[in-house]
Amino acid sequence: MTAPALAAAMARVAGDLESELAALLPPEDGDRLAAAMRYAVLGGGKRLRGFLVLEGGRLFGTGRAACLRTAAAVELLHAYSLIHDDLPAMDDASLRRGRPACHRAFDEATALLAGDALQALAFEVLARGEGPPAPAVRLRLLRELAAAAGAAGMCGGQMRDLLAEGRSLDEAAILDLQARKTGALIRFSCRAGALLADAGEEAVAALDRYGARLGLAFQISDDLLDREGATRETGKDVGRDDAAGKATLVALLGEEGARRRLSALYEEACEALAGLPGDAILLRELFQFVIDRRM
């Protein structure tokens, strides 16, 4: 169960981000591409990555408007990745967030273009003058977000994931895969608040350490849900990892071993947060939420 303060904070962020994203996305107005973009972005999702941006910014007193705009860019990029992950050429998923995946609701070509357009819009949003105030800050955010999305991040991780199907990987290879596919964007989201505040490299590094543990915990939790969850809880297809022969830590360590790893990651994440200013209790509670989640 989510702690009440965390639940309230996440609900507030989700509502604010929904409004921000609705304003940033192109109006539908009979445009099929715009309709697919809005379908994939609006009306669902925990907005966890966006929450991380805003909560990190809160710790350093960063202006909420700049954090919200950066969080929106992250959520646009995340939505693009989900559209492409669900395509038949990738995971061939039928459901996302409890409703038909974008390519099922529209068609494969429209979904592919919607993902491309969302990725482009994410960078446009960050580059606009009304976003993060200082050009040097915008440039660093653009550079780091691009790295998180590209060959060293999500795309590279997805490639490794596809190549690993039906193969046995050792723990180091699985950790590298997951750090790229899932962890890179989560780490960026954790770092962004400190970057916006120009809080210094020590603070950025502390949030990066937290984000690295959170990204791995999120993936382990996701893999446990794929084994144990039900479609009605998760809002997406389950049981696909084992069927596809996916390389996961759950497959390597077993379910109990994976849960022990989650506990260790939580302790390491709390240590990373210990030196930060302000009250980081919501980030600690968020980590526990990721471990305990059922969707």
Protein backbone atom coordinates (compact mmCIF):
# COMPACT_ATOMS: atom_id res chain seq x y z
CA MET A 1 0.00 0.00 0.00
CA THR A 2 1.32 3.44 -0.89
CA ALA A 3 2.01 5.73 2.08
CA PRO A 4 -0.64 8.50 2.25
CA ALA A 5 1.81 11.39 1.81
CA LEU A 6 3.47 9.70 -1.17
CA ALA A 7 0.11 8.83 -2.73
CA ALA A 8 -1.05 12.45 -2.41
CA ALA A 9 2.21 13.80 -3.84
CA MET A 10 2.15 11.37 -6.78
CA ALA A 11 -1.50 12.18 -7.49
CA ARG A 12 -0.72 15.91 -7.52
CA VAL A 13 2.21 15.43 -9.89
CA ALA A 14 0.18 13.14 -12.15
CA GLY A 15 -2.59 15.72 -12.39
CA ASP A 16 -0.23 18.59 -13.07
CA LEU A 17 1.66 16.57 -15.68
CA GLU A 18 -1.56 15.52 -17.39
CA SER A 19 -2.46 19.19 -17.86
CA GLU A 20 1.06 20.11 -18.99
CA LEU A 21 1.23 17.26 -21.47
CA ALA A 22 -2.24 17.97 -22.84
CA ALA A 23 -1.15 21.53 -23.58
CA LEU A 24 2.16 20.48 -25.17
CA LEU A 25 0.77 17.78 -27.46
CA PRO A 26 -0.66 18.80 -30.83
CA PRO A 27 -4.46 19.16 -30.87
CA GLU A 28 -6.29 16.23 -32.38
CA ASP A 29 -8.57 18.19 -34.74
CA GLY A 30 -9.13 15.16 -36.96
CA ASP A 31 -5.35 14.53 -37.27
CA ARG A 32 -4.69 10.78 -36.99
CA LEU A 33 -1.05 11.21 -35.93
CA ALA A 34 -1.97 13.71 -33.21
CA ALA A 35 -4.73 11.38 -32.03
CA ALA A 36 -2.28 8.50 -31.68
CA MET A 37 0.20 10.70 -29.81
CA ARG A 38 -2.44 11.85 -27.36
CA TYR A 39 -3.76 8.30 -26.96
CA ALA A 40 -0.31 7.02 -26.01
CA VAL A 41 0.51 9.83 -23.57
CA LEU A 42 -2.69 10.92 -21.83
CA GLY A 43 -5.08 9.22 -19.47
CA GLY A 44 -2.88 6.76 -17.63
CA GLY A 45 0.41 5.85 -16.08
CA LYS A 46 1.96 6.49 -12.70
CA ARG A 47 4.18 9.35 -14.01
CA LEU A 48 6.95 7.91 -11.85
CA ARG A 49 9.75 9.44 -13.93
CA GLY A 50 8.10 12.83 -13.91
CA PHE A 51 7.61 12.57 -10.16
CA LEU A 52 11.33 11.91 -9.72
CA VAL A 53 12.18 15.10 -11.61
CA LEU A 54 9.84 17.19 -9.47
CA GLU A 55 10.79 15.60 -6.17
CA GLY A 56 14.49 16.00 -6.88
CA GLY A 57 13.87 19.62 -7.76
CA ARG A 58 11.89 20.16 -4.55
CA LEU A 59 14.86 19.01 -2.45
CA PHE A 60 16.96 21.81 -3.93
CA GLY A 61 14.29 24.50 -4.13
CA THR A 62 14.09 24.44 -7.92
CA GLY A 63 11.21 26.35 -9.51
CA ARG A 64 8.26 24.04 -10.08
CA ALA A 65 7.49 25.35 -13.58
CA ALA A 66 10.95 24.40 -14.90
CA CYS A 67 10.74 21.00 -13.21
CA LEU A 68 7.28 20.39 -14.63
CA ARG A 69 8.41 21.21 -18.16
CA THR A 70 11.44 18.90 -17.82
CA ALA A 71 9.24 16.17 -16.34
CA ALA A 72 6.88 16.51 -19.30
CA ALA A 73 9.79 16.00 -21.72
CA VAL A 74 10.77 12.84 -19.85
CA GLU A 75 7.21 11.51 -19.98
CA LEU A 76 6.98 12.20 -23.72
CA LEU A 77 10.17 10.26 -24.30
CA HIS A 78 8.97 7.44 -22.07
CA ALA A 79 5.68 7.23 -23.99
CA TYR A 80 7.57 6.95 -27.26
CA SER A 81 9.60 4.05 -25.87
CA LEU A 82 6.46 2.22 -24.75
CA ILE A 83 4.86 2.55 -28.19
CA HIS A 84 7.93 1.09 -29.87
CA ASP A 85 8.43 -1.62 -27.22
CA ASP A 86 4.88 -2.85 -27.85
CA LEU A 87 5.25 -3.16 -31.64
CA PRO A 88 5.18 -6.64 -33.22
CA ALA A 89 8.83 -6.24 -34.20
CA MET A 90 9.72 -5.82 -30.50
CA ASP A 91 7.60 -7.27 -27.67
CA ASP A 92 4.40 -7.70 -29.73
CA ALA A 93 2.21 -6.63 -26.79
CA SER A 94 -1.54 -6.25 -27.06
CA LEU A 95 -2.19 -4.17 -23.92
CA ARG A 96 -0.69 -1.11 -22.32
CA ARG A 97 -2.12 0.57 -19.23
CA GLY A 98 -5.20 -1.60 -19.39
CA ARG A 99 -6.21 -0.73 -22.94
CA PRO A 100 -5.10 -1.72 -26.45
CA ALA A 101 -1.50 -0.87 -27.28
CA CYS A 102 -1.13 2.06 -29.67
CA HIS A 103 -0.53 -0.13 -32.72
CA ARG A 104 -3.68 -2.12 -31.89
CA ALA A 105 -5.79 0.99 -31.38
CA PHE A 106 -4.52 2.55 -34.62
CA ASP A 107 -2.12 0.58 -36.82
CA GLU A 108 1.60 -0.21 -36.88
CA ALA A 109 2.61 2.60 -39.21
CA THR A 110 0.69 5.22 -37.22
CA ALA A 111 2.12 3.91 -33.95
CA LEU A 112 5.66 4.02 -35.31
CA LEU A 113 5.25 7.61 -36.48
CA ALA A 114 3.56 8.62 -33.21
CA GLY A 115 6.56 7.30 -31.29
CA ASP A 116 8.97 9.16 -33.57
CA ALA A 117 6.99 12.37 -33.18
CA LEU A 118 6.86 12.06 -29.37
CA GLN A 119 10.62 11.59 -29.21
CA ALA A 120 11.14 14.72 -31.31
CA LEU A 121 8.64 16.67 -29.21
CA ALA A 122 10.46 15.72 -26.00
CA PHE A 123 13.64 17.42 -27.17
CA GLU A 124 11.75 20.38 -28.61
CA VAL A 125 10.09 20.92 -25.22
CA LEU A 126 13.44 20.91 -23.40
CA ALA A 127 15.01 23.26 -25.93
CA ARG A 128 12.29 25.90 -25.74
CA GLY A 129 13.14 29.10 -23.90
CA GLU A 130 10.20 28.76 -21.50
CA GLY A 131 11.67 25.55 -20.08
CA PRO A 132 14.78 25.40 -17.87
CA PRO A 133 15.97 29.02 -17.50
CA ALA A 134 19.71 28.93 -18.26
CA PRO A 135 20.90 27.91 -21.75
CA ALA A 136 23.79 25.92 -20.22
CA VAL A 137 21.31 23.97 -18.09
CA ARG A 138 19.10 23.27 -21.11
CA LEU A 139 22.10 22.09 -23.10
CA ARG A 140 23.21 19.66 -20.37
CA LEU A 141 19.69 18.31 -19.94
CA LEU A 142 19.37 17.82 -23.71
CA ARG A 143 22.72 16.03 -23.87
CA GLU A 144 22.00 13.75 -20.92
CA LEU A 145 18.46 12.93 -22.06
CA ALA A 146 19.76 12.06 -25.53
CA ALA A 147 22.39 9.77 -23.99
CA ALA A 148 19.74 8.07 -21.83
CA ALA A 149 17.59 7.45 -24.91
CA GLY A 150 20.22 6.35 -27.41
CA ALA A 151 22.64 3.53 -28.08
CA ALA A 152 24.21 3.81 -24.63
CA GLY A 153 20.77 3.88 -23.00
CA MET A 154 17.28 2.67 -23.87
CA CYS A 155 17.89 1.73 -27.50
CA GLY A 156 21.06 -0.15 -26.66
CA GLY A 157 19.29 -1.95 -23.84
CA GLN A 158 16.39 -2.95 -26.08
CA MET A 159 18.84 -4.32 -28.65
CA ARG A 160 20.56 -6.39 -25.97
CA ASP A 161 17.17 -7.59 -24.75
CA LEU A 162 16.17 -8.78 -28.22
CA LEU A 163 19.51 -10.51 -28.80
CA ALA A 164 19.31 -12.23 -25.40
CA GLU A 165 16.02 -14.04 -26.06
CA GLY A 166 16.53 -17.75 -25.61
CA ARG A 167 20.13 -17.31 -24.41
CA SER A 168 21.67 -17.63 -20.96
CA LEU A 169 23.33 -14.43 -19.74
CA ASP A 170 25.44 -14.06 -16.63
CA GLU A 171 24.54 -11.50 -13.97
CA ALA A 172 26.90 -8.82 -15.27
CA ALA A 173 25.36 -8.97 -18.75
CA ILE A 174 21.82 -8.82 -17.35
CA LEU A 175 22.71 -5.84 -15.16
CA ASP A 176 24.20 -4.02 -18.16
CA LEU A 177 21.09 -4.73 -20.25
CA GLN A 178 18.72 -3.51 -17.57
CA ALA A 179 20.80 -0.46 -16.66
CA ARG A 180 20.42 0.66 -20.26
CA LYS A 181 16.88 -0.40 -21.09
CA THR A 182 15.14 0.69 -17.89
CA GLY A 183 17.70 2.36 -15.69
CA ALA A 184 19.05 5.08 -17.97
CA LEU A 185 15.88 7.17 -18.17
CA ILE A 186 15.14 6.70 -14.46
CA ARG A 187 18.66 7.84 -13.58
CA PHE A 188 18.24 10.91 -15.77
CA SER A 189 14.92 11.67 -14.07
CA CYS A 190 16.58 11.49 -10.65
CA ARG A 191 19.50 13.71 -11.72
CA ALA A 192 17.37 16.34 -13.46
CA GLY A 193 16.14 18.16 -10.34
CA ALA A 194 19.68 18.72 -9.10
CA LEU A 195 20.83 19.75 -12.58
CA LEU A 196 18.03 22.31 -12.81
CA ALA A 197 19.09 23.76 -9.46
CA ASP A 198 22.77 23.78 -10.42
CA ALA A 199 23.24 21.98 -7.10
CA GLY A 200 26.74 20.69 -7.77
CA GLU A 201 28.22 17.40 -8.88
CA GLU A 202 28.12 15.80 -5.43
CA ALA A 203 24.35 16.19 -5.25
CA VAL A 204 23.94 15.00 -8.83
CA ALA A 205 26.08 11.94 -8.07
CA ALA A 206 24.05 11.10 -4.94
CA LEU A 207 20.79 11.19 -6.89
CA ASP A 208 22.45 9.19 -9.66
CA ARG A 209 23.37 6.44 -7.18
CA TYR A 210 19.81 6.42 -5.90
CA GLY A 211 18.47 6.33 -9.47
CA ALA A 212 20.71 3.44 -10.48
CA ARG A 213 19.31 1.34 -7.62
CA LEU A 214 15.76 2.46 -8.31
CA GLY A 215 16.05 1.58 -12.01
CA LEU A 216 17.24 -1.93 -11.23
CA ALA A 217 14.58 -2.38 -8.54
CA PHE A 218 11.90 -1.24 -10.98
CA GLN A 219 12.99 -3.82 -13.53
CA ILE A 220 13.21 -6.65 -10.97
CA SER A 221 9.75 -5.72 -9.69
CA ASP A 222 8.46 -5.64 -13.27
CA ASP A 223 9.90 -9.08 -13.94
CA LEU A 224 8.35 -10.45 -10.74
CA LEU A 225 5.00 -9.03 -11.81
CA ASP A 226 5.38 -10.71 -15.20
CA ARG A 227 5.65 -14.03 -13.37
CA GLU A 228 3.20 -13.51 -10.54
CA GLY A 229 0.84 -10.74 -11.60
CA ALA A 230 -2.48 -10.80 -13.38
CA THR A 231 -3.40 -8.75 -16.42
CA ARG A 232 -6.23 -7.10 -14.47
CA GLU A 233 -3.65 -5.81 -11.95
CA THR A 234 -0.81 -4.83 -14.25
CA GLY A 235 -2.82 -3.48 -17.19
CA LYS A 236 -0.55 -5.28 -19.65
CA ASP A 237 0.21 -8.80 -20.85
CA VAL A 238 1.89 -11.05 -18.29
CA GLY A 239 3.91 -14.25 -18.58
CA ARG A 240 5.66 -13.02 -21.70
CA ASP A 241 9.22 -12.98 -20.36
CA ASP A 242 9.40 -16.71 -19.65
CA ALA A 243 7.59 -17.54 -22.88
CA ALA A 244 10.10 -15.48 -24.88
CA GLY A 245 13.10 -16.78 -22.96
CA LYS A 246 13.98 -13.29 -21.71
CA ALA A 247 17.17 -12.81 -19.70
CA THR A 248 16.14 -11.44 -16.28
CA LEU A 249 17.55 -11.42 -12.77
CA VAL A 250 14.39 -13.21 -11.61
CA ALA A 251 15.17 -16.08 -13.99
CA LEU A 252 18.79 -16.11 -12.82
CA LEU A 253 18.33 -15.67 -9.06
CA GLY A 254 14.86 -17.12 -8.55
CA GLU A 255 11.98 -15.23 -6.98
CA GLU A 256 13.32 -15.32 -3.42
CA GLY A 257 16.79 -14.32 -4.55
CA ALA A 258 15.29 -11.43 -6.50
CA ARG A 259 13.41 -10.23 -3.41
CA ARG A 260 16.60 -10.34 -1.36
CA ARG A 261 18.27 -8.21 -4.03
CA LEU A 262 15.41 -5.71 -3.80
CA SER A 263 15.95 -5.38 -0.04
CA ALA A 264 19.67 -4.78 -0.55
CA LEU A 265 18.99 -2.19 -3.23
CA TYR A 266 16.62 -0.34 -0.88
CA GLU A 267 19.32 -0.07 1.78
CA GLU A 268 21.86 1.19 -0.75
CA ALA A 269 19.38 3.74 -2.09
CA CYS A 270 18.72 5.09 1.42
CA GLU A 271 22.46 5.47 1.97
CA ALA A 272 22.73 7.48 -1.25
CA LEU A 273 19.97 9.83 -0.07
CA ALA A 274 21.42 10.36 3.40
CA GLY A 275 23.63 13.30 2.48
CA LEU A 276 21.06 15.27 0.50
CA PRO A 277 19.51 18.48 1.84
CA GLY A 278 15.92 18.58 2.97
CA ASP A 279 13.63 15.67 3.67
CA ALA A 280 14.06 12.80 1.20
CA ILE A 281 11.39 10.63 2.84
CA LEU A 282 9.21 10.62 -0.29
CA LEU A 283 12.08 9.23 -2.36
CA ARG A 284 12.58 6.48 0.22
CA GLU A 285 8.86 5.72 0.21
CA LEU A 286 8.82 5.74 -3.58
CA PHE A 287 11.51 3.07 -3.61
CA GLN A 288 9.37 0.90 -1.31
CA PHE A 289 6.37 1.57 -3.54
CA VAL A 290 8.32 0.32 -6.57
CA ILE A 291 9.22 -2.85 -4.68
CA ASP A 292 5.67 -3.49 -3.50
CA ARG A 293 3.73 -2.40 -6.58
CA ARG A 294 1.16 -4.66 -8.22
CA MET A 295 0.82 -2.69 -11.46
